[in-house]
Structures are given as C-alpha cells and as structure tokens.
C-alpha cells in the first residue's frame, strides 16, 4: 500500500507500484473511506463511459465527485451500491479491475451482483483515469 513519507508528501512516483495504488483505492471504496479515496485519486481524475463511441458527447467525466457518481454509482449524498473488487491485473500502462456492485442498505436487491470491468491508469502515484468497459451479466 502506498504510504506518505515522514513529511506527509507522496513518495517518488518511481517507487509506487501501480497495482498497489489501485488496490488501496478500491479497498477504500469498499470501506467507504472518502479521505483515503481522495488520497489515491488525482484531483483531476477522469472516467470514460463504456459506450463512449455511441454517445453524443465525449463520454468523459472529470473530478472526483463526478467519477464517484459515474464509475461507482454514488448519488449526491455519496451513498450507493457496495463495491467489491475481485481481481486486479497489471499490464502495460494500466491495471484492470473486475468486480461487482452489490445493493446498499436502502435497496439491498437493487444492482445485486452487477459486474464491472474498469481499467485504471496511474501517474505520479495517483489514479488519473478510469476507463469502464461493458461487463456482461453472469446470471441467466
């Protein structure tokens, strides 16, 4: 896991393992720890919609609040389905994350087991972009 140096600064980018940064942010999402999420996400983080080639706009959302709403299905109050990241695969310039969204306390059956597939790009020890891919349902 990425840790701050003694003075509270981020470690040198070349010392940070991309997969460790991504795992730490998804762990923070699972725990609902917004402070840790913002530590691992760049302030200008981007999310790219899975159907970007079919949309009438560029399909990109920018900023942590917009990314939390789009990539992790959060509402304006920050609540939404629980995130469960099951697999991490580091390759090339990205880390592929496969997992599922599960219903929250208000709507436990809603989005139960909805799969996701996201590719995270890390620069300078922080996630700068999440590209989402269509993930088919494993049910029925």
N, C-alpha and C. Protein backbone atom coordinates (compact mmCIF):
# COMPACT_ATOMS: atom_id res chain seq x y z
N UNK A 1 0.84 -1.17 0.00
CA UNK A 1 0.00 0.00 0.00
C UNK A 1 0.88 1.23 0.00
N UNK A 2 0.48 2.25 -0.74
CA UNK A 2 1.23 3.48 -0.80
C UNK A 2 1.10 4.24 0.50
N UNK A 3 2.19 4.70 1.02
CA UNK A 3 2.17 5.46 2.27
C UNK A 3 2.83 6.80 2.05
N UNK A 4 2.43 7.77 2.83
CA UNK A 4 3.08 9.08 2.77
C UNK A 4 4.43 8.99 3.44
N UNK A 5 5.33 9.82 2.99
CA UNK A 5 6.65 9.86 3.61
C UNK A 5 6.54 10.59 4.93
N UNK A 6 7.62 10.63 5.69
CA UNK A 6 7.61 11.25 7.01
C UNK A 6 7.02 12.64 7.05
N UNK A 7 7.25 13.44 6.00
CA UNK A 7 6.75 14.81 5.97
C UNK A 7 5.34 14.92 5.43
N UNK A 8 4.68 13.79 5.14
CA UNK A 8 3.32 13.82 4.64
C UNK A 8 3.22 13.94 3.13
N UNK A 9 4.36 13.99 2.42
CA UNK A 9 4.33 14.10 0.97
C UNK A 9 4.12 12.72 0.37
N UNK A 10 3.77 12.73 -0.92
CA UNK A 10 3.65 11.47 -1.64
C UNK A 10 5.04 10.95 -1.94
N UNK A 11 5.24 9.63 -2.00
CA UNK A 11 6.55 9.09 -2.33
C UNK A 11 6.89 9.37 -3.79
N UNK A 12 8.15 9.23 -4.15
CA UNK A 12 8.57 9.43 -5.53
C UNK A 12 7.78 8.48 -6.42
N UNK A 13 7.33 9.00 -7.58
CA UNK A 13 6.48 8.22 -8.47
C UNK A 13 7.10 6.89 -8.86
N UNK A 14 8.40 6.86 -9.07
CA UNK A 14 9.03 5.61 -9.50
C UNK A 14 9.05 4.55 -8.41
N UNK A 15 8.75 4.93 -7.16
CA UNK A 15 8.73 3.98 -6.05
C UNK A 15 7.34 3.40 -5.80
N UNK A 16 6.35 3.89 -6.52
CA UNK A 16 4.97 3.48 -6.29
C UNK A 16 4.58 2.38 -7.27
N UNK A 17 4.03 1.30 -6.76
CA UNK A 17 3.53 0.20 -7.57
C UNK A 17 2.09 0.53 -7.98
N UNK A 18 1.83 0.59 -9.29
CA UNK A 18 0.51 0.97 -9.78
C UNK A 18 -0.60 0.08 -9.22
N UNK A 19 -0.38 -1.22 -9.21
CA UNK A 19 -1.41 -2.13 -8.70
C UNK A 19 -1.70 -1.88 -7.22
N UNK A 20 -0.67 -1.52 -6.45
CA UNK A 20 -0.87 -1.24 -5.02
C UNK A 20 -1.74 0.00 -4.84
N UNK A 21 -1.53 1.02 -5.67
CA UNK A 21 -2.34 2.24 -5.59
C UNK A 21 -3.80 1.92 -5.91
N UNK A 22 -4.02 1.16 -6.98
CA UNK A 22 -5.38 0.81 -7.39
C UNK A 22 -6.06 -0.05 -6.33
N UNK A 23 -5.35 -1.05 -5.82
CA UNK A 23 -5.92 -1.89 -4.75
C UNK A 23 -6.30 -1.05 -3.53
N UNK A 24 -5.45 -0.11 -3.17
CA UNK A 24 -5.71 0.73 -1.99
C UNK A 24 -6.95 1.58 -2.20
N UNK A 25 -7.14 2.13 -3.41
CA UNK A 25 -8.32 2.96 -3.64
C UNK A 25 -9.59 2.11 -3.62
N UNK A 26 -9.57 0.94 -4.24
CA UNK A 26 -10.75 0.09 -4.23
C UNK A 26 -11.05 -0.42 -2.82
N UNK A 27 -10.02 -0.67 -2.02
CA UNK A 27 -10.23 -1.05 -0.62
C UNK A 27 -10.91 0.10 0.12
N UNK A 28 -10.46 1.33 -0.13
CA UNK A 28 -11.09 2.49 0.50
C UNK A 28 -12.54 2.62 0.06
N UNK A 29 -12.84 2.33 -1.21
CA UNK A 29 -14.22 2.35 -1.70
C UNK A 29 -15.06 1.32 -0.96
N UNK A 30 -14.51 0.12 -0.79
CA UNK A 30 -15.23 -0.94 -0.08
C UNK A 30 -15.53 -0.54 1.36
N UNK A 31 -14.62 0.22 1.98
CA UNK A 31 -14.77 0.64 3.37
C UNK A 31 -15.50 1.97 3.51
N UNK A 32 -15.77 2.66 2.39
CA UNK A 32 -16.43 3.96 2.45
C UNK A 32 -15.55 5.06 3.01
N UNK A 33 -14.25 4.94 2.85
CA UNK A 33 -13.28 5.89 3.40
C UNK A 33 -12.93 6.96 2.37
N UNK A 34 -13.71 8.05 2.34
CA UNK A 34 -13.54 9.10 1.35
C UNK A 34 -12.17 9.76 1.42
N UNK A 35 -11.61 9.92 2.61
CA UNK A 35 -10.29 10.53 2.74
C UNK A 35 -9.23 9.69 2.03
N UNK A 36 -9.28 8.39 2.20
CA UNK A 36 -8.31 7.52 1.52
C UNK A 36 -8.56 7.48 0.02
N UNK A 37 -9.83 7.53 -0.38
CA UNK A 37 -10.14 7.56 -1.81
C UNK A 37 -9.50 8.78 -2.44
N UNK A 38 -9.68 9.94 -1.82
CA UNK A 38 -9.13 11.17 -2.39
C UNK A 38 -7.61 11.20 -2.31
N UNK A 39 -7.01 10.45 -1.41
CA UNK A 39 -5.56 10.35 -1.33
C UNK A 39 -5.01 9.60 -2.55
N UNK A 40 -5.70 8.57 -3.01
CA UNK A 40 -5.22 7.73 -4.10
C UNK A 40 -5.70 8.20 -5.47
N UNK A 41 -6.67 9.10 -5.53
CA UNK A 41 -7.20 9.60 -6.80
C UNK A 41 -6.68 11.00 -7.05
N UNK A 42 -6.22 11.25 -8.26
CA UNK A 42 -5.79 12.58 -8.65
C UNK A 42 -7.00 13.52 -8.62
N UNK A 43 -6.84 14.78 -8.22
CA UNK A 43 -7.98 15.71 -8.19
C UNK A 43 -8.65 15.86 -9.56
N UNK A 44 -7.89 15.71 -10.63
CA UNK A 44 -8.44 15.82 -11.98
C UNK A 44 -8.77 14.47 -12.61
N UNK A 45 -9.02 13.46 -11.78
CA UNK A 45 -9.31 12.11 -12.27
C UNK A 45 -10.41 12.14 -13.32
N UNK A 46 -10.31 11.25 -14.31
CA UNK A 46 -11.31 11.15 -15.37
C UNK A 46 -11.91 9.76 -15.39
N UNK A 47 -13.18 9.68 -15.81
CA UNK A 47 -13.85 8.41 -16.03
C UNK A 47 -14.37 8.42 -17.45
N UNK A 48 -14.11 7.35 -18.19
CA UNK A 48 -14.55 7.25 -19.58
C UNK A 48 -15.67 6.22 -19.66
N UNK A 49 -16.81 6.66 -20.16
CA UNK A 49 -18.02 5.84 -20.27
C UNK A 49 -17.77 4.62 -21.16
N UNK A 50 -18.35 3.45 -20.81
CA UNK A 50 -18.13 2.25 -21.60
C UNK A 50 -18.69 2.32 -23.03
N UNK A 51 -19.65 3.16 -23.27
CA UNK A 51 -20.24 3.28 -24.60
C UNK A 51 -19.81 4.58 -25.28
N UNK A 52 -18.60 5.03 -25.00
CA UNK A 52 -18.12 6.33 -25.46
C UNK A 52 -18.27 6.52 -26.97
N UNK A 53 -18.09 5.48 -27.75
CA UNK A 53 -18.18 5.64 -29.21
C UNK A 53 -19.61 5.85 -29.70
N UNK A 54 -20.61 5.58 -28.86
CA UNK A 54 -22.01 5.72 -29.26
C UNK A 54 -22.70 6.94 -28.65
N UNK A 55 -21.98 7.72 -27.87
CA UNK A 55 -22.60 8.83 -27.16
C UNK A 55 -22.50 10.13 -27.95
N UNK A 56 -23.48 11.04 -27.75
CA UNK A 56 -23.43 12.33 -28.44
C UNK A 56 -22.49 13.33 -27.76
N UNK A 57 -21.83 12.94 -26.68
CA UNK A 57 -20.83 13.79 -26.02
C UNK A 57 -19.56 12.97 -25.89
N UNK A 58 -18.50 13.55 -25.35
CA UNK A 58 -17.20 12.86 -25.33
C UNK A 58 -17.14 11.68 -24.37
N UNK A 59 -18.18 11.48 -23.55
CA UNK A 59 -18.23 10.31 -22.68
C UNK A 59 -17.27 10.34 -21.51
N UNK A 60 -16.75 11.52 -21.19
CA UNK A 60 -15.77 11.64 -20.11
C UNK A 60 -16.32 12.50 -18.98
N UNK A 61 -16.14 12.05 -17.76
CA UNK A 61 -16.48 12.82 -16.56
C UNK A 61 -15.17 13.15 -15.86
N UNK A 62 -15.07 14.35 -15.31
CA UNK A 62 -13.83 14.79 -14.68
C UNK A 62 -14.07 15.25 -13.25
N UNK A 63 -13.09 14.97 -12.39
CA UNK A 63 -13.17 15.36 -10.99
C UNK A 63 -13.66 14.21 -10.14
N UNK A 64 -13.21 14.16 -8.89
CA UNK A 64 -13.52 13.04 -8.01
C UNK A 64 -15.02 12.84 -7.79
N UNK A 65 -15.76 13.92 -7.56
CA UNK A 65 -17.20 13.80 -7.32
C UNK A 65 -17.91 13.18 -8.52
N UNK A 66 -17.59 13.67 -9.73
CA UNK A 66 -18.21 13.14 -10.94
C UNK A 66 -17.83 11.69 -11.17
N UNK A 67 -16.58 11.34 -10.88
CA UNK A 67 -16.12 9.96 -11.06
C UNK A 67 -16.80 9.03 -10.06
N UNK A 68 -16.95 9.47 -8.82
CA UNK A 68 -17.64 8.64 -7.82
C UNK A 68 -19.09 8.38 -8.25
N UNK A 69 -19.74 9.40 -8.80
CA UNK A 69 -21.12 9.24 -9.26
C UNK A 69 -21.22 8.32 -10.47
N UNK A 70 -20.31 8.48 -11.41
CA UNK A 70 -20.38 7.71 -12.66
C UNK A 70 -19.79 6.31 -12.53
N UNK A 71 -18.55 6.22 -12.12
CA UNK A 71 -17.85 4.93 -12.09
C UNK A 71 -18.32 4.04 -10.95
N UNK A 72 -18.74 4.65 -9.83
CA UNK A 72 -19.07 3.85 -8.65
C UNK A 72 -20.51 4.01 -8.20
N UNK A 73 -21.35 4.63 -9.09
CA UNK A 73 -22.81 4.70 -8.91
C UNK A 73 -23.23 5.36 -7.61
N UNK A 74 -22.52 6.42 -7.21
CA UNK A 74 -22.87 7.15 -5.99
C UNK A 74 -23.88 8.25 -6.32
N UNK A 75 -24.77 8.55 -5.37
CA UNK A 75 -25.70 9.65 -5.56
C UNK A 75 -25.09 10.92 -4.97
N UNK A 76 -25.87 12.01 -4.97
CA UNK A 76 -25.35 13.30 -4.50
C UNK A 76 -24.90 13.26 -3.04
N UNK A 77 -25.49 12.38 -2.24
CA UNK A 77 -25.11 12.26 -0.83
C UNK A 77 -23.91 11.32 -0.63
N UNK A 78 -23.45 10.69 -1.72
CA UNK A 78 -22.31 9.79 -1.62
C UNK A 78 -22.66 8.35 -1.31
N UNK A 79 -23.96 8.04 -1.27
CA UNK A 79 -24.36 6.65 -0.99
C UNK A 79 -24.60 5.92 -2.31
N UNK A 80 -24.47 4.63 -2.27
CA UNK A 80 -24.68 3.83 -3.46
C UNK A 80 -24.36 2.39 -3.17
N UNK A 81 -24.30 1.59 -4.22
CA UNK A 81 -24.04 0.17 -4.01
C UNK A 81 -22.64 -0.07 -3.46
N UNK A 82 -22.50 -1.19 -2.76
CA UNK A 82 -21.20 -1.59 -2.23
C UNK A 82 -20.34 -2.07 -3.40
N UNK A 83 -19.07 -1.71 -3.39
CA UNK A 83 -18.12 -2.11 -4.42
C UNK A 83 -17.33 -3.30 -3.90
N UNK A 84 -17.24 -4.34 -4.71
CA UNK A 84 -16.42 -5.49 -4.36
C UNK A 84 -15.50 -5.80 -5.54
N UNK A 85 -14.23 -5.43 -5.42
CA UNK A 85 -13.25 -5.69 -6.47
C UNK A 85 -12.65 -7.07 -6.23
N UNK A 86 -12.80 -7.97 -7.20
CA UNK A 86 -12.37 -9.35 -7.02
C UNK A 86 -11.00 -9.64 -7.63
N UNK A 87 -10.68 -9.00 -8.75
CA UNK A 87 -9.42 -9.31 -9.45
C UNK A 87 -8.74 -8.04 -9.92
N UNK A 88 -7.42 -8.04 -9.84
CA UNK A 88 -6.59 -6.94 -10.30
C UNK A 88 -5.53 -7.53 -11.23
N UNK A 89 -5.38 -6.97 -12.42
CA UNK A 89 -4.39 -7.45 -13.37
C UNK A 89 -3.61 -6.25 -13.90
N UNK A 90 -2.34 -6.19 -13.59
CA UNK A 90 -1.50 -5.09 -14.06
C UNK A 90 -0.90 -5.48 -15.40
N UNK A 91 -1.05 -4.57 -16.38
CA UNK A 91 -0.46 -4.82 -17.69
C UNK A 91 -0.20 -3.48 -18.36
N UNK A 92 0.88 -3.40 -19.10
CA UNK A 92 1.20 -2.17 -19.81
C UNK A 92 1.12 -0.96 -18.90
N UNK A 93 0.32 0.01 -19.30
CA UNK A 93 0.17 1.25 -18.54
C UNK A 93 -1.02 1.24 -17.60
N UNK A 94 -1.72 0.12 -17.49
CA UNK A 94 -2.93 0.13 -16.68
C UNK A 94 -3.06 -1.05 -15.75
N UNK A 95 -4.09 -0.95 -14.91
CA UNK A 95 -4.45 -2.04 -14.00
C UNK A 95 -5.93 -2.32 -14.25
N UNK A 96 -6.23 -3.54 -14.68
CA UNK A 96 -7.60 -3.94 -14.95
C UNK A 96 -8.22 -4.46 -13.66
N UNK A 97 -9.42 -3.97 -13.34
CA UNK A 97 -10.12 -4.36 -12.12
C UNK A 97 -11.47 -4.96 -12.50
N UNK A 98 -11.72 -6.17 -12.04
CA UNK A 98 -13.01 -6.84 -12.26
C UNK A 98 -13.67 -7.04 -10.91
N UNK A 99 -14.95 -6.74 -10.85
CA UNK A 99 -15.66 -6.91 -9.59
C UNK A 99 -17.15 -6.77 -9.79
N UNK A 100 -17.86 -6.49 -8.70
CA UNK A 100 -19.31 -6.37 -8.74
C UNK A 100 -19.79 -5.26 -7.82
N UNK A 101 -20.95 -4.71 -8.16
CA UNK A 101 -21.67 -3.79 -7.29
C UNK A 101 -22.75 -4.60 -6.60
N UNK A 102 -22.94 -4.35 -5.32
CA UNK A 102 -24.00 -5.01 -4.56
C UNK A 102 -24.87 -3.95 -3.92
N UNK A 103 -26.17 -4.24 -3.77
CA UNK A 103 -27.12 -3.29 -3.21
C UNK A 103 -26.68 -2.72 -1.87
N UNK A 104 -27.17 -1.53 -1.56
CA UNK A 104 -26.86 -0.90 -0.28
C UNK A 104 -28.00 -1.15 0.71
N UNK A 105 -27.92 -0.54 1.87
CA UNK A 105 -28.93 -0.77 2.92
C UNK A 105 -30.32 -0.34 2.50
N UNK A 106 -30.43 0.76 1.73
CA UNK A 106 -31.75 1.26 1.35
C UNK A 106 -32.41 0.37 0.29
N UNK A 107 -31.63 -0.24 -0.59
CA UNK A 107 -32.19 -1.07 -1.66
C UNK A 107 -31.31 -2.31 -1.84
N UNK A 108 -31.41 -3.26 -0.90
CA UNK A 108 -30.49 -4.40 -0.93
C UNK A 108 -30.58 -5.26 -2.18
N UNK A 109 -31.73 -5.31 -2.83
CA UNK A 109 -31.84 -6.17 -4.01
C UNK A 109 -31.41 -5.45 -5.28
N UNK A 110 -31.39 -4.11 -5.22
CA UNK A 110 -31.06 -3.33 -6.39
C UNK A 110 -29.58 -3.49 -6.74
N UNK A 111 -29.30 -3.70 -8.03
CA UNK A 111 -27.93 -3.85 -8.53
C UNK A 111 -27.19 -5.03 -7.90
N UNK A 112 -27.90 -5.98 -7.36
CA UNK A 112 -27.25 -7.11 -6.69
C UNK A 112 -26.37 -7.88 -7.67
N UNK A 113 -25.11 -7.85 -7.42
CA UNK A 113 -24.16 -8.60 -8.23
C UNK A 113 -23.93 -8.06 -9.62
N UNK A 114 -24.17 -6.78 -9.86
CA UNK A 114 -23.92 -6.19 -11.18
C UNK A 114 -22.41 -6.12 -11.42
N UNK A 115 -21.90 -6.82 -12.45
CA UNK A 115 -20.46 -6.86 -12.66
C UNK A 115 -19.92 -5.55 -13.23
N UNK A 116 -18.64 -5.28 -12.97
CA UNK A 116 -17.97 -4.15 -13.61
C UNK A 116 -16.57 -4.58 -14.03
N UNK A 117 -16.07 -3.88 -15.05
CA UNK A 117 -14.72 -4.08 -15.55
C UNK A 117 -14.15 -2.70 -15.83
N UNK A 118 -13.14 -2.30 -15.07
CA UNK A 118 -12.58 -0.97 -15.18
C UNK A 118 -11.06 -1.05 -15.31
N UNK A 119 -10.50 -0.19 -16.16
CA UNK A 119 -9.06 -0.10 -16.32
C UNK A 119 -8.61 1.22 -15.71
N UNK A 120 -7.68 1.13 -14.77
CA UNK A 120 -7.19 2.31 -14.07
C UNK A 120 -5.79 2.67 -14.54
N UNK A 121 -5.56 3.94 -14.74
CA UNK A 121 -4.25 4.44 -15.14
C UNK A 121 -3.68 5.28 -14.01
N UNK A 122 -2.44 5.00 -13.63
CA UNK A 122 -1.80 5.67 -12.50
C UNK A 122 -0.65 6.52 -13.03
N UNK A 123 -0.56 7.73 -12.52
CA UNK A 123 0.55 8.62 -12.83
C UNK A 123 0.94 9.34 -11.55
N UNK A 124 2.21 9.33 -11.23
CA UNK A 124 2.68 10.03 -10.04
C UNK A 124 2.10 9.47 -8.75
N UNK A 125 1.80 8.18 -8.74
CA UNK A 125 1.30 7.55 -7.52
C UNK A 125 -0.18 7.77 -7.25
N UNK A 126 -0.92 8.31 -8.24
CA UNK A 126 -2.36 8.54 -8.07
C UNK A 126 -3.10 8.11 -9.33
N UNK A 127 -4.33 7.66 -9.15
CA UNK A 127 -5.14 7.24 -10.30
C UNK A 127 -5.62 8.49 -11.03
N UNK A 128 -5.32 8.56 -12.34
CA UNK A 128 -5.68 9.73 -13.14
C UNK A 128 -6.84 9.46 -14.09
N UNK A 129 -7.09 8.18 -14.41
CA UNK A 129 -8.16 7.86 -15.35
C UNK A 129 -8.69 6.46 -15.06
N UNK A 130 -10.01 6.34 -15.18
CA UNK A 130 -10.67 5.04 -15.11
C UNK A 130 -11.48 4.89 -16.38
N UNK A 131 -11.17 3.87 -17.15
CA UNK A 131 -11.93 3.56 -18.36
C UNK A 131 -12.80 2.35 -18.04
N UNK A 132 -14.09 2.52 -18.22
CA UNK A 132 -15.01 1.42 -17.92
C UNK A 132 -15.34 0.68 -19.21
N UNK A 133 -15.44 -0.63 -19.12
CA UNK A 133 -15.80 -1.47 -20.25
C UNK A 133 -17.13 -2.14 -19.96
N UNK A 134 -17.91 -2.41 -21.01
CA UNK A 134 -19.16 -3.14 -20.78
C UNK A 134 -18.86 -4.50 -20.15
N UNK A 135 -19.55 -4.82 -19.10
CA UNK A 135 -19.37 -6.11 -18.42
C UNK A 135 -20.69 -6.84 -18.46
N UNK A 136 -20.72 -7.98 -19.10
CA UNK A 136 -21.95 -8.75 -19.23
C UNK A 136 -22.36 -9.36 -17.90
N UNK A 137 -23.63 -9.57 -17.76
CA UNK A 137 -24.16 -10.21 -16.56
C UNK A 137 -23.86 -11.70 -16.60
N UNK A 138 -23.53 -12.25 -15.45
CA UNK A 138 -23.25 -13.68 -15.37
C UNK A 138 -24.50 -14.48 -15.03
N UNK A 139 -25.61 -13.80 -14.80
CA UNK A 139 -26.84 -14.52 -14.44
C UNK A 139 -27.67 -14.81 -15.68
N UNK A 140 -28.46 -15.88 -15.58
CA UNK A 140 -29.44 -16.26 -16.56
C UNK A 140 -28.95 -16.37 -17.92
